[in-house]
């Protein structure tokens, strides 16, 4: 039996459907029954069998077009956005038509942004194929592209019409991509969800072996946590900022690497390790909780070693972060496991100190 979570406020709320099985014809056709045409946007890293399966489900029911982008963060660009918009225009898409994002976070982010801007907004559906996209970018209505000055600096808040999550996609996910997604799952347990922390702590071996029943639990708990937050705060004016735990430093690390050789999830795990260390240095987080956090991350075989980075190297990227307000950097810090908060009141010296410990 599939699990369902409703996200957002009316009239733009939407259902996230979580299933252990492949997406069914009945589900996909019910989601697009009011549309005339669909453009499926994917990337060349998505296994061809997933694309063929969606083709098969839609065959004979609706005019279907495909656009494949090169995989990776480099495709989350103005160039790719222009390509999508030109395709929609040349195919004469109108407001009765729909975009389907089939892929990871990059595909979902740029497809959603293109959908929000074309004709001032057409429907789009998210079908995430990575764990990271399932628990993070496919839910919450954040859409964006990157520019040289920073990640996700150009975008819009725009909710999908529906999100279909099939855990079947995780069977073929690379170990690197899978662990990238686990980083975001861990984040939810640190900021708000103590139940999820307990599940992760007690089932690390099953999680690493991709046991589908445990996966269903952690994906459900992750999305439930995000749904509660984004429904209260759709435009990131308050509590939603907590979802950025680890991301301020993580995004800076990604930018420093020119979005190469490190995944978003890997960078966020490093960012969480840094933010946890700062929380401890600020006398907010106990030594016991800091050890709990590092123990869980290590049990899931995620890398917490950020010693290759210097604060001075990351500082320029930090000050381009979206959470800078009135020239001050805001950080998400921890008071304990499951209790995060946003602040711009911290000792600057503790930022550089955290990198030296």
C-alpha atoms as a PDB file:
ATOM      1  CA  UNK A   1       0.000   0.000   0.000  1.00  0.00           C
ATOM      2  CA  UNK A   2       1.429   3.359  -1.049  1.00  0.00           C
ATOM      3  CA  UNK A   3       1.819   6.112   1.541  1.00  0.00           C
ATOM      4  CA  UNK A   4       0.567   9.614   0.874  1.00  0.00           C
ATOM      5  CA  UNK A   5       1.493  13.020   2.287  1.00  0.00           C
ATOM      6  CA  UNK A   6      -0.254  16.304   1.509  1.00  0.00           C
ATOM      7  CA  UNK A   7       2.101  19.280   1.270  1.00  0.00           C
ATOM      8  CA  UNK A   8       1.404  23.006   1.221  1.00  0.00           C
ATOM      9  CA  UNK A   9      -1.625  25.227   1.583  1.00  0.00           C
ATOM     10  CA  UNK A  10      -4.687  25.458  -0.637  1.00  0.00           C
ATOM     11  CA  UNK A  11      -5.103  26.178  -3.494  1.00  0.00           C
ATOM     12  CA  UNK A  12      -1.558  25.104  -4.453  1.00  0.00           C
ATOM     13  CA  UNK A  13      -1.193  22.100  -2.154  1.00  0.00           C
ATOM     14  CA  UNK A  14      -0.195  18.768  -3.691  1.00  0.00           C
ATOM     15  CA  UNK A  15       0.104  15.071  -2.919  1.00  0.00           C
ATOM     16  CA  UNK A  16       3.374  13.199  -2.524  1.00  0.00           C
ATOM     17  CA  UNK A  17       2.781   9.498  -3.153  1.00  0.00           C
ATOM     18  CA  UNK A  18       5.416   7.053  -1.856  1.00  0.00           C
ATOM     19  CA  UNK A  19       5.415   3.489  -3.200  1.00  0.00           C
ATOM     20  CA  UNK A  20       7.747   0.498  -3.027  1.00  0.00           C
ATOM     21  CA  UNK A  21       6.624  -0.437  -6.557  1.00  0.00           C
ATOM     22  CA  UNK A  22       7.195   1.130  -9.980  1.00  0.00           C
ATOM     23  CA  UNK A  23       4.865   3.997 -10.944  1.00  0.00           C
ATOM     24  CA  UNK A  24       1.564   2.628 -12.279  1.00  0.00           C
ATOM     25  CA  UNK A  25      -0.239   3.633 -15.459  1.00  0.00           C
ATOM     26  CA  UNK A  26      -3.325   4.463 -13.414  1.00  0.00           C
ATOM     27  CA  UNK A  27      -1.383   6.939 -11.238  1.00  0.00           C
ATOM     28  CA  UNK A  28       0.357   8.772 -14.039  1.00  0.00           C
ATOM     29  CA  UNK A  29      -2.728   8.997 -16.261  1.00  0.00           C
ATOM     30  CA  UNK A  30      -4.869  10.323 -13.415  1.00  0.00           C
ATOM     31  CA  UNK A  31      -2.300  13.077 -12.825  1.00  0.00           C
ATOM     32  CA  UNK A  32      -2.277  14.247 -16.463  1.00  0.00           C
ATOM     33  CA  UNK A  33      -5.920  13.611 -17.437  1.00  0.00           C
ATOM     34  CA  UNK A  34      -6.657  17.352 -17.830  1.00  0.00           C
ATOM     35  CA  UNK A  35      -3.615  17.959 -20.064  1.00  0.00           C
ATOM     36  CA  UNK A  36      -3.182  17.752 -23.834  1.00  0.00           C
ATOM     37  CA  UNK A  37       0.600  17.466 -24.199  1.00  0.00           C
ATOM     38  CA  UNK A  38       3.498  16.613 -21.913  1.00  0.00           C
ATOM     39  CA  UNK A  39       7.226  17.383 -22.124  1.00  0.00           C
ATOM     40  CA  UNK A  40       9.317  14.942 -20.126  1.00  0.00           C
ATOM     41  CA  UNK A  41      12.629  16.483 -19.077  1.00  0.00           C
ATOM     42  CA  UNK A  42      15.360  14.090 -18.017  1.00  0.00           C
ATOM     43  CA  UNK A  43      19.146  13.795 -18.149  1.00  0.00           C
ATOM     44  CA  UNK A  44      21.570  11.319 -19.697  1.00  0.00           C
ATOM     45  CA  UNK A  45      22.367   9.812 -16.294  1.00  0.00           C
ATOM     46  CA  UNK A  46      18.845   8.423 -15.876  1.00  0.00           C
ATOM     47  CA  UNK A  47      18.749   4.720 -16.856  1.00  0.00           C
ATOM     48  CA  UNK A  48      17.134   4.327 -20.277  1.00  0.00           C
ATOM     49  CA  UNK A  49      14.728   1.688 -18.930  1.00  0.00           C
ATOM     50  CA  UNK A  50      13.071   4.288 -16.694  1.00  0.00           C
ATOM     51  CA  UNK A  51      12.507   6.587 -19.668  1.00  0.00           C
ATOM     52  CA  UNK A  52      11.162   3.716 -21.763  1.00  0.00           C
ATOM     53  CA  UNK A  53       8.823   2.699 -18.954  1.00  0.00           C
ATOM     54  CA  UNK A  54       7.293   6.202 -18.745  1.00  0.00           C
ATOM     55  CA  UNK A  55       6.944   6.201 -22.564  1.00  0.00           C
ATOM     56  CA  UNK A  56       5.106   2.888 -22.356  1.00  0.00           C
ATOM     57  CA  UNK A  57       2.762   4.149 -19.623  1.00  0.00           C
ATOM     58  CA  UNK A  58       1.826   7.233 -21.669  1.00  0.00           C
ATOM     59  CA  UNK A  59       1.699   5.627 -25.118  1.00  0.00           C
ATOM     60  CA  UNK A  60      -1.637   6.172 -26.842  1.00  0.00           C
ATOM     61  CA  UNK A  61      -2.942   8.436 -24.084  1.00  0.00           C
ATOM     62  CA  UNK A  62      -1.279  11.818 -24.615  1.00  0.00           C
ATOM     63  CA  UNK A  63       1.163  13.565 -26.994  1.00  0.00           C
ATOM     64  CA  UNK A  64       4.541  13.024 -25.346  1.00  0.00           C
ATOM     65  CA  UNK A  65       7.831  14.791 -26.050  1.00  0.00           C
ATOM     66  CA  UNK A  66      11.257  14.259 -24.459  1.00  0.00           C
ATOM     67  CA  UNK A  67      14.169  16.560 -23.725  1.00  0.00           C
ATOM     68  CA  UNK A  68      17.415  15.116 -22.338  1.00  0.00           C
ATOM     69  CA  UNK A  69      19.955  17.371 -20.626  1.00  0.00           C
ATOM     70  CA  UNK A  70      23.574  16.488 -19.805  1.00  0.00           C
ATOM     71  CA  UNK A  71      23.745  15.184 -16.236  1.00  0.00           C
ATOM     72  CA  UNK A  72      25.302  17.226 -13.426  1.00  0.00           C
ATOM     73  CA  UNK A  73      24.981  20.633 -11.762  1.00  0.00           C
ATOM     74  CA  UNK A  74      26.486  22.377 -14.802  1.00  0.00           C
ATOM     75  CA  UNK A  75      23.178  21.832 -16.586  1.00  0.00           C
ATOM     76  CA  UNK A  76      21.314  23.883 -13.984  1.00  0.00           C
ATOM     77  CA  UNK A  77      22.103  26.978 -16.038  1.00  0.00           C
ATOM     78  CA  UNK A  78      20.646  29.803 -18.127  1.00  0.00           C
ATOM     79  CA  UNK A  79      21.689  27.850 -21.217  1.00  0.00           C
ATOM     80  CA  UNK A  80      19.596  24.820 -20.239  1.00  0.00           C
ATOM     81  CA  UNK A  81      16.695  27.015 -19.127  1.00  0.00           C
ATOM     82  CA  UNK A  82      16.698  28.719 -22.542  1.00  0.00           C
ATOM     83  CA  UNK A  83      16.721  25.307 -24.255  1.00  0.00           C
ATOM     84  CA  UNK A  84      13.683  24.125 -22.259  1.00  0.00           C
ATOM     85  CA  UNK A  85      11.716  27.335 -22.881  1.00  0.00           C
ATOM     86  CA  UNK A  86      12.506  27.243 -26.607  1.00  0.00           C
ATOM     87  CA  UNK A  87      11.322  23.623 -26.760  1.00  0.00           C
ATOM     88  CA  UNK A  88       8.051  24.474 -25.017  1.00  0.00           C
ATOM     89  CA  UNK A  89       7.476  27.398 -27.370  1.00  0.00           C
ATOM     90  CA  UNK A  90       8.358  25.510 -30.568  1.00  0.00           C
ATOM     91  CA  UNK A  91       6.062  22.630 -29.532  1.00  0.00           C
ATOM     92  CA  UNK A  92       3.331  25.230 -28.950  1.00  0.00           C
ATOM     93  CA  UNK A  93       2.752  24.275 -25.335  1.00  0.00           C
ATOM     94  CA  UNK A  94      -0.035  26.237 -23.634  1.00  0.00           C
ATOM     95  CA  UNK A  95      -1.500  26.373 -20.156  1.00  0.00           C
ATOM     96  CA  UNK A  96      -3.408  23.130 -20.712  1.00  0.00           C
ATOM     97  CA  UNK A  97      -0.095  21.284 -21.110  1.00  0.00           C
ATOM     98  CA  UNK A  98       2.346  19.885 -18.575  1.00  0.00           C
ATOM     99  CA  UNK A  99       6.027  19.242 -17.816  1.00  0.00           C
ATOM    100  CA  UNK A 100       7.236  16.077 -16.090  1.00  0.00           C
ATOM    101  CA  UNK A 101      10.634  16.128 -14.372  1.00  0.00           C
ATOM    102  CA  UNK A 102      12.108  12.614 -14.460  1.00  0.00           C
ATOM    103  CA  UNK A 103      15.494  12.541 -12.735  1.00  0.00           C
ATOM    104  CA  UNK A 104      17.487  13.898  -9.834  1.00  0.00           C
ATOM    105  CA  UNK A 105      17.495  17.287  -8.169  1.00  0.00           C
ATOM    106  CA  UNK A 106      19.018  19.165 -11.085  1.00  0.00           C
ATOM    107  CA  UNK A 107      16.246  17.997 -13.422  1.00  0.00           C
ATOM    108  CA  UNK A 108      13.533  18.810 -10.896  1.00  0.00           C
ATOM    109  CA  UNK A 109      14.912  22.253 -10.054  1.00  0.00           C
ATOM    110  CA  UNK A 110      15.312  23.485 -13.613  1.00  0.00           C
ATOM    111  CA  UNK A 111      12.099  21.852 -14.873  1.00  0.00           C
ATOM    112  CA  UNK A 112      10.147  23.533 -12.087  1.00  0.00           C
ATOM    113  CA  UNK A 113      11.753  26.913 -12.762  1.00  0.00           C
ATOM    114  CA  UNK A 114      11.062  26.646 -16.494  1.00  0.00           C
ATOM    115  CA  UNK A 115       7.453  25.683 -15.719  1.00  0.00           C
ATOM    116  CA  UNK A 116       7.064  28.673 -13.396  1.00  0.00           C
ATOM    117  CA  UNK A 117       8.246  31.123 -16.054  1.00  0.00           C
ATOM    118  CA  UNK A 118       6.746  29.724 -19.286  1.00  0.00           C
ATOM    119  CA  UNK A 119       3.426  31.528 -19.923  1.00  0.00           C
ATOM    120  CA  UNK A 120       3.808  32.745 -16.315  1.00  0.00           C
ATOM    121  CA  UNK A 121       3.216  29.217 -15.094  1.00  0.00           C
ATOM    122  CA  UNK A 122       2.198  25.780 -16.398  1.00  0.00           C
ATOM    123  CA  UNK A 123       1.740  22.562 -14.423  1.00  0.00           C
ATOM    124  CA  UNK A 124       4.641  20.273 -13.669  1.00  0.00           C
ATOM    125  CA  UNK A 125       4.948  16.864 -12.025  1.00  0.00           C
ATOM    126  CA  UNK A 126       7.974  15.560 -10.151  1.00  0.00           C
ATOM    127  CA  UNK A 127       9.177  11.966 -10.581  1.00  0.00           C
ATOM    128  CA  UNK A 128      12.478  11.917  -8.646  1.00  0.00           C
ATOM    129  CA  UNK A 129      14.839   9.034  -9.392  1.00  0.00           C
ATOM    130  CA  UNK A 130      17.461   9.662  -6.684  1.00  0.00           C
ATOM    131  CA  UNK A 131      17.153   9.452  -2.905  1.00  0.00           C
ATOM    132  CA  UNK A 132      18.336  13.053  -2.586  1.00  0.00           C
ATOM    133  CA  UNK A 133      15.622  14.354  -4.904  1.00  0.00           C
ATOM    134  CA  UNK A 134      12.976  12.178  -3.243  1.00  0.00           C
ATOM    135  CA  UNK A 135      13.528  13.517   0.268  1.00  0.00           C
ATOM    136  CA  UNK A 136      14.657  17.033  -0.597  1.00  0.00           C
ATOM    137  CA  UNK A 137      14.302  18.926  -3.864  1.00  0.00           C
ATOM    138  CA  UNK A 138      11.108  17.296  -5.196  1.00  0.00           C
ATOM    139  CA  UNK A 139       9.153  18.515  -2.156  1.00  0.00           C
ATOM    140  CA  UNK A 140       8.704  22.124  -1.100  1.00  0.00           C
ATOM    141  CA  UNK A 141       8.314  24.048  -4.350  1.00  0.00           C
ATOM    142  CA  UNK A 142      11.806  25.515  -4.534  1.00  0.00           C
ATOM    143  CA  UNK A 143      12.977  25.806  -8.139  1.00  0.00           C
ATOM    144  CA  UNK A 144      16.211  27.366  -9.343  1.00  0.00           C
ATOM    145  CA  UNK A 145      19.283  27.521 -11.527  1.00  0.00           C
ATOM    146  CA  UNK A 146      22.883  28.282 -10.597  1.00  0.00           C
ATOM    147  CA  UNK A 147      24.950  31.274 -11.697  1.00  0.00           C
ATOM    148  CA  UNK A 148      28.749  31.710 -11.340  1.00  0.00           C
ATOM    149  CA  UNK A 149      28.230  33.800  -8.194  1.00  0.00           C
ATOM    150  CA  UNK A 150      26.487  30.968  -6.351  1.00  0.00           C
ATOM    151  CA  UNK A 151      24.130  28.022  -6.250  1.00  0.00           C
ATOM    152  CA  UNK A 152      20.342  28.457  -6.603  1.00  0.00           C
ATOM    153  CA  UNK A 153      20.554  32.260  -6.690  1.00  0.00           C
ATOM    154  CA  UNK A 154      17.995  32.553  -9.517  1.00  0.00           C
ATOM    155  CA  UNK A 155      14.689  30.783  -9.030  1.00  0.00           C
ATOM    156  CA  UNK A 156      11.105  30.826  -7.823  1.00  0.00           C
ATOM    157  CA  UNK A 157       8.819  29.219  -5.276  1.00  0.00           C
ATOM    158  CA  UNK A 158       6.512  27.116  -7.444  1.00  0.00           C
ATOM    159  CA  UNK A 159       4.711  23.995  -6.278  1.00  0.00           C
ATOM    160  CA  UNK A 160       4.433  20.870  -8.422  1.00  0.00           C
ATOM    161  CA  UNK A 161       1.012  19.458  -9.249  1.00  0.00           C
ATOM    162  CA  UNK A 162       2.004  16.038  -7.906  1.00  0.00           C
ATOM    163  CA  UNK A 163       5.085  14.094  -6.756  1.00  0.00           C
ATOM    164  CA  UNK A 164       5.442  10.374  -7.458  1.00  0.00           C
ATOM    165  CA  UNK A 165       8.116   8.598  -5.432  1.00  0.00           C
ATOM    166  CA  UNK A 166       8.958   5.031  -6.421  1.00  0.00           C
ATOM    167  CA  UNK A 167      11.525   3.348  -4.186  1.00  0.00           C
ATOM    168  CA  UNK A 168      12.112   0.948  -7.081  1.00  0.00           C
ATOM    169  CA  UNK A 169      14.376   3.611  -8.627  1.00  0.00           C
ATOM    170  CA  UNK A 170      16.803   3.262  -5.708  1.00  0.00           C
ATOM    171  CA  UNK A 171      17.802  -0.273  -6.746  1.00  0.00           C
ATOM    172  CA  UNK A 172      20.038   1.027  -9.548  1.00  0.00           C
ATOM    173  CA  UNK A 173      21.328   4.145  -7.792  1.00  0.00           C
ATOM    174  CA  UNK A 174      25.116   4.312  -7.447  1.00  0.00           C
ATOM    175  CA  UNK A 175      26.597   4.094  -3.957  1.00  0.00           C
ATOM    176  CA  UNK A 176      27.819   7.690  -4.246  1.00  0.00           C
ATOM    177  CA  UNK A 177      24.352   8.991  -5.163  1.00  0.00           C
ATOM    178  CA  UNK A 178      22.653   6.855  -2.537  1.00  0.00           C
ATOM    179  CA  UNK A 179      24.883   8.171   0.242  1.00  0.00           C
ATOM    180  CA  UNK A 180      24.409  11.692  -1.079  1.00  0.00           C
ATOM    181  CA  UNK A 181      20.696  11.258  -0.376  1.00  0.00           C
ATOM    182  CA  UNK A 182      21.343   9.779   3.059  1.00  0.00           C
ATOM    183  CA  UNK A 183      23.004  13.069   3.986  1.00  0.00           C
ATOM    184  CA  UNK A 184      19.687  14.905   3.615  1.00  0.00           C
ATOM    185  CA  UNK A 185      17.822  12.164   5.496  1.00  0.00           C
ATOM    186  CA  UNK A 186      20.241  12.559   8.402  1.00  0.00           C
ATOM    187  CA  UNK A 187      19.640  16.321   8.323  1.00  0.00           C
ATOM    188  CA  UNK A 188      15.934  15.908   9.094  1.00  0.00           C
ATOM    189  CA  UNK A 189      16.797  13.777  12.116  1.00  0.00           C
ATOM    190  CA  UNK A 190      19.169  16.470  13.407  1.00  0.00           C
ATOM    191  CA  UNK A 191      16.890  19.481  12.987  1.00  0.00           C
ATOM    192  CA  UNK A 192      13.457  18.221  14.044  1.00  0.00           C
ATOM    193  CA  UNK A 193      12.678  14.499  13.866  1.00  0.00           C
ATOM    194  CA  UNK A 194      13.892  12.491  16.877  1.00  0.00           C
ATOM    195  CA  UNK A 195      11.874   9.465  15.726  1.00  0.00           C
ATOM    196  CA  UNK A 196      13.853   9.444  12.478  1.00  0.00           C
ATOM    197  CA  UNK A 197      17.120   9.763  14.425  1.00  0.00           C
ATOM    198  CA  UNK A 198      16.165   6.612  16.374  1.00  0.00           C
ATOM    199  CA  UNK A 199      15.284   4.703  13.171  1.00  0.00           C
ATOM    200  CA  UNK A 200      18.615   5.671  11.593  1.00  0.00           C
ATOM    201  CA  UNK A 201      20.608   4.799  14.717  1.00  0.00           C
ATOM    202  CA  UNK A 202      18.992   1.368  15.118  1.00  0.00           C
ATOM    203  CA  UNK A 203      18.973   0.321  11.451  1.00  0.00           C
ATOM    204  CA  UNK A 204      22.223   1.550   9.879  1.00  0.00           C
ATOM    205  CA  UNK A 205      23.079  -1.878   8.399  1.00  0.00           C
ATOM    206  CA  UNK A 206      19.625  -2.298   6.842  1.00  0.00           C
ATOM    207  CA  UNK A 207      19.800   1.233   5.455  1.00  0.00           C
ATOM    208  CA  UNK A 208      23.206   0.582   3.900  1.00  0.00           C
ATOM    209  CA  UNK A 209      21.860  -2.631   2.313  1.00  0.00           C
ATOM    210  CA  UNK A 210      18.832  -0.666   0.973  1.00  0.00           C
ATOM    211  CA  UNK A 211      16.165  -2.695   2.746  1.00  0.00           C
ATOM    212  CA  UNK A 212      12.973  -1.455   1.084  1.00  0.00           C
ATOM    213  CA  UNK A 213      10.852  -1.491   4.255  1.00  0.00           C
ATOM    214  CA  UNK A 214      13.332   0.658   6.169  1.00  0.00           C
ATOM    215  CA  UNK A 215      13.760   2.885   3.108  1.00  0.00           C
ATOM    216  CA  UNK A 216      10.015   3.436   2.997  1.00  0.00           C
ATOM    217  CA  UNK A 217      10.106   4.482   6.671  1.00  0.00           C
ATOM    218  CA  UNK A 218      13.011   6.909   6.369  1.00  0.00           C
ATOM    219  CA  UNK A 219      11.734   8.462   3.127  1.00  0.00           C
ATOM    220  CA  UNK A 220       8.267   8.879   4.653  1.00  0.00           C
ATOM    221  CA  UNK A 221       9.623  10.412   7.880  1.00  0.00           C
ATOM    222  CA  UNK A 222      11.946  12.732   5.929  1.00  0.00           C
ATOM    223  CA  UNK A 223       9.167  14.011   3.673  1.00  0.00           C
ATOM    224  CA  UNK A 224       6.751  14.281   6.595  1.00  0.00           C
ATOM    225  CA  UNK A 225       9.286  16.520   8.373  1.00  0.00           C
ATOM    226  CA  UNK A 226       9.784  18.689   5.312  1.00  0.00           C
ATOM    227  CA  UNK A 227       6.027  18.826   4.622  1.00  0.00           C
ATOM    228  CA  UNK A 228       5.325  20.140   8.139  1.00  0.00           C
ATOM    229  CA  UNK A 229       7.951  22.844   7.751  1.00  0.00           C
ATOM    230  CA  UNK A 230       7.140  24.036   4.212  1.00  0.00           C
ATOM    231  CA  UNK A 231       3.388  24.008   4.829  1.00  0.00           C
ATOM    232  CA  UNK A 232       3.923  26.431   7.730  1.00  0.00           C
ATOM    233  CA  UNK A 233       6.412  28.540   5.780  1.00  0.00           C
ATOM    234  CA  UNK A 234       6.185  28.231   1.995  1.00  0.00           C
ATOM    235  CA  UNK A 235       8.383  31.260   1.176  1.00  0.00           C
ATOM    236  CA  UNK A 236      11.221  30.725   3.684  1.00  0.00           C
ATOM    237  CA  UNK A 237      10.418  33.699   5.899  1.00  0.00           C
ATOM    238  CA  UNK A 238      10.653  31.735   9.153  1.00  0.00           C
ATOM    239  CA  UNK A 239      10.926  28.087  10.210  1.00  0.00           C
ATOM    240  CA  UNK A 240      11.748  26.855   6.696  1.00  0.00           C
ATOM    241  CA  UNK A 241      15.253  28.210   7.115  1.00  0.00           C
ATOM    242  CA  UNK A 242      15.945  25.223   9.401  1.00  0.00           C
ATOM    243  CA  UNK A 243      16.055  23.033   6.283  1.00  0.00           C
ATOM    244  CA  UNK A 244      19.306  24.795   5.424  1.00  0.00           C
ATOM    245  CA  UNK A 245      21.204  23.119   8.258  1.00  0.00           C
ATOM    246  CA  UNK A 246      24.621  22.259   6.810  1.00  0.00           C
ATOM    247  CA  UNK A 247      23.793  23.939   3.505  1.00  0.00           C
ATOM    248  CA  UNK A 248      25.532  27.276   4.067  1.00  0.00           C
ATOM    249  CA  UNK A 249      28.915  25.590   4.316  1.00  0.00           C
ATOM    250  CA  UNK A 250      27.864  22.775   1.948  1.00  0.00           C
ATOM    251  CA  UNK A 251      26.995  25.191  -0.858  1.00  0.00           C
ATOM    252  CA  UNK A 252      30.271  27.058  -0.298  1.00  0.00           C
ATOM    253  CA  UNK A 253      32.190  23.776  -0.582  1.00  0.00           C
ATOM    254  CA  UNK A 254      30.323  22.930  -3.810  1.00  0.00           C
ATOM    255  CA  UNK A 255      31.068  26.374  -5.272  1.00  0.00           C
ATOM    256  CA  UNK A 256      34.729  26.153  -4.212  1.00  0.00           C
ATOM    257  CA  UNK A 257      34.906  22.833  -6.125  1.00  0.00           C
ATOM    258  CA  UNK A 258      33.197  24.441  -9.118  1.00  0.00           C
ATOM    259  CA  UNK A 259      30.403  21.846  -8.631  1.00  0.00           C
ATOM    260  CA  UNK A 260      32.798  19.049  -9.575  1.00  0.00           C
ATOM    261  CA  UNK A 261      34.032  15.905  -7.792  1.00  0.00           C
ATOM    262  CA  UNK A 262      31.678  16.297  -4.822  1.00  0.00           C
ATOM    263  CA  UNK A 263      27.945  15.653  -4.687  1.00  0.00           C
ATOM    264  CA  UNK A 264      25.433  17.970  -3.036  1.00  0.00           C
ATOM    265  CA  UNK A 265      24.771  15.427  -0.295  1.00  0.00           C
ATOM    266  CA  UNK A 266      28.471  14.895   0.415  1.00  0.00           C
ATOM    267  CA  UNK A 267      28.964  18.654   0.700  1.00  0.00           C
ATOM    268  CA  UNK A 268      25.955  19.000   3.019  1.00  0.00           C
ATOM    269  CA  UNK A 269      27.293  16.252   5.317  1.00  0.00           C
ATOM    270  CA  UNK A 270      30.565  18.193   5.596  1.00  0.00           C
ATOM    271  CA  UNK A 271      28.520  21.356   6.190  1.00  0.00           C
ATOM    272  CA  UNK A 272      26.549  19.647   8.985  1.00  0.00           C
ATOM    273  CA  UNK A 273      29.776  18.486  10.618  1.00  0.00           C
ATOM    274  CA  UNK A 274      31.080  22.080  10.518  1.00  0.00           C
ATOM    275  CA  UNK A 275      27.796  23.579  11.807  1.00  0.00           C
ATOM    276  CA  UNK A 276      27.656  20.993  14.618  1.00  0.00           C
ATOM    277  CA  UNK A 277      31.213  21.844  15.632  1.00  0.00           C
ATOM    278  CA  UNK A 278      30.343  25.568  15.662  1.00  0.00           C
ATOM    279  CA  UNK A 279      27.243  24.778  17.766  1.00  0.00           C
ATOM    280  CA  UNK A 280      29.516  23.037  20.266  1.00  0.00           C
ATOM    281  CA  UNK A 281      32.044  25.907  20.276  1.00  0.00           C
ATOM    282  CA  UNK A 282      29.167  28.330  20.918  1.00  0.00           C
ATOM    283  CA  UNK A 283      28.253  26.267  24.018  1.00  0.00           C
ATOM    284  CA  UNK A 284      24.880  25.430  22.506  1.00  0.00           C
ATOM    285  CA  UNK A 285      25.404  21.746  21.791  1.00  0.00           C
ATOM    286  CA  UNK A 286      26.710  19.355  24.448  1.00  0.00           C
ATOM    287  CA  UNK A 287      29.779  17.221  23.840  1.00  0.00           C
ATOM    288  CA  UNK A 288      27.516  14.158  24.244  1.00  0.00           C
ATOM    289  CA  UNK A 289      25.185  15.300  21.441  1.00  0.00           C
ATOM    290  CA  UNK A 290      28.107  16.248  19.202  1.00  0.00           C
ATOM    291  CA  UNK A 291      29.467  12.706  19.613  1.00  0.00           C
ATOM    292  CA  UNK A 292      25.977  11.249  18.905  1.00  0.00           C
ATOM    293  CA  UNK A 293      25.786  13.230  15.667  1.00  0.00           C
ATOM    294  CA  UNK A 294      29.235  12.172  14.468  1.00  0.00           C
ATOM    295  CA  UNK A 295      28.597   8.557  15.499  1.00  0.00           C
ATOM    296  CA  UNK A 296      25.404   8.370  13.424  1.00  0.00           C
ATOM    297  CA  UNK A 297      27.029   9.949  10.370  1.00  0.00           C
ATOM    298  CA  UNK A 298      29.945   7.512  10.618  1.00  0.00           C
ATOM    299  CA  UNK A 299      27.614   4.506  11.115  1.00  0.00           C
ATOM    300  CA  UNK A 300      26.030   5.368   7.765  1.00  0.00           C
ATOM    301  CA  UNK A 301      29.535   5.520   6.247  1.00  0.00           C
ATOM    302  CA  UNK A 302      29.280   9.190   5.344  1.00  0.00           C
ATOM    303  CA  UNK A 303      32.382  11.375   5.237  1.00  0.00           C
ATOM    304  CA  UNK A 304      32.734  14.084   7.908  1.00  0.00           C
ATOM    305  CA  UNK A 305      36.358  15.023   7.210  1.00  0.00           C
ATOM    306  CA  UNK A 306      36.300  18.675   6.094  1.00  0.00           C
ATOM    307  CA  UNK A 307      39.967  19.329   6.886  1.00  0.00           C
ATOM    308  CA  UNK A 308      40.816  19.859   3.200  1.00  0.00           C
ATOM    309  CA  UNK A 309      38.942  23.179   3.386  1.00  0.00           C
ATOM    310  CA  UNK A 310      39.978  26.440   4.996  1.00  0.00           C
ATOM    311  CA  UNK A 311      37.529  28.997   6.341  1.00  0.00           C
ATOM    312  CA  UNK A 312      39.357  31.761   4.441  1.00  0.00           C
ATOM    313  CA  UNK A 313      38.790  29.885   1.144  1.00  0.00           C
ATOM    314  CA  UNK A 314      35.065  29.423   1.767  1.00  0.00           C
ATOM    315  CA  UNK A 315      34.336  32.887   3.206  1.00  0.00           C
ATOM    316  CA  UNK A 316      33.721  34.650  -0.166  1.00  0.00           C
ATOM    317  CA  UNK A 317      31.122  32.004  -1.069  1.00  0.00           C
ATOM    318  CA  UNK A 318      29.526  32.175   2.368  1.00  0.00           C
ATOM    319  CA  UNK A 319      28.867  35.890   1.951  1.00  0.00           C
ATOM    320  CA  UNK A 320      27.030  35.201  -1.332  1.00  0.00           C
ATOM    321  CA  UNK A 321      24.687  32.824   0.486  1.00  0.00           C
ATOM    322  CA  UNK A 322      20.934  33.498   0.280  1.00  0.00           C
ATOM    323  CA  UNK A 323      20.824  33.541   4.078  1.00  0.00           C
ATOM    324  CA  UNK A 324      22.927  36.699   4.265  1.00  0.00           C
ATOM    325  CA  UNK A 325      20.663  39.520   5.467  1.00  0.00           C
ATOM    326  CA  UNK A 326      21.724  43.146   5.990  1.00  0.00           C
ATOM    327  CA  UNK A 327      25.318  42.084   5.455  1.00  0.00           C
ATOM    328  CA  UNK A 328      25.149  39.471   8.212  1.00  0.00           C
ATOM    329  CA  UNK A 329      25.527  35.743   7.713  1.00  0.00           C
ATOM    330  CA  UNK A 330      22.748  33.656   9.266  1.00  0.00           C
ATOM    331  CA  UNK A 331      23.553  30.121  10.356  1.00  0.00           C
ATOM    332  CA  UNK A 332      21.388  27.182  11.359  1.00  0.00           C
ATOM    333  CA  UNK A 333      22.842  25.801  14.580  1.00  0.00           C
ATOM    334  CA  UNK A 334      21.807  23.054  17.018  1.00  0.00           C
ATOM    335  CA  UNK A 335      20.823  23.239  20.679  1.00  0.00           C
ATOM    336  CA  UNK A 336      20.468  19.453  20.800  1.00  0.00           C
ATOM    337  CA  UNK A 337      19.660  16.538  18.494  1.00  0.00           C
ATOM    338  CA  UNK A 338      16.279  17.430  16.993  1.00  0.00           C
ATOM    339  CA  UNK A 339      16.391  21.122  17.960  1.00  0.00           C
ATOM    340  CA  UNK A 340      17.765  23.558  15.379  1.00  0.00           C
ATOM    341  CA  UNK A 341      17.436  27.341  15.189  1.00  0.00           C
ATOM    342  CA  UNK A 342      18.503  30.251  12.984  1.00  0.00           C
ATOM    343  CA  UNK A 343      20.845  32.950  14.267  1.00  0.00           C
ATOM    344  CA  UNK A 344      23.244  35.694  13.187  1.00  0.00           C
ATOM    345  CA  UNK A 345      24.607  35.983  16.729  1.00  0.00           C
ATOM    346  CA  UNK A 346      27.750  33.902  16.983  1.00  0.00           C
ATOM    347  CA  UNK A 347      31.443  34.577  17.444  1.00  0.00           C
ATOM    348  CA  UNK A 348      33.152  34.997  14.089  1.00  0.00           C
ATOM    349  CA  UNK A 349      36.264  33.456  15.624  1.00  0.00           C
ATOM    350  CA  UNK A 350      34.372  30.192  16.176  1.00  0.00           C
ATOM    351  CA  UNK A 351      33.838  29.865  12.412  1.00  0.00           C
ATOM    352  CA  UNK A 352      37.555  29.816  11.696  1.00  0.00           C
ATOM    353  CA  UNK A 353      38.247  27.845  14.890  1.00  0.00           C
ATOM    354  CA  UNK A 354      35.918  25.030  13.773  1.00  0.00           C
ATOM    355  CA  UNK A 355      38.132  24.435  10.741  1.00  0.00           C
ATOM    356  CA  UNK A 356      41.235  24.021  12.891  1.00  0.00           C
ATOM    357  CA  UNK A 357      39.940  21.347  15.307  1.00  0.00           C
END
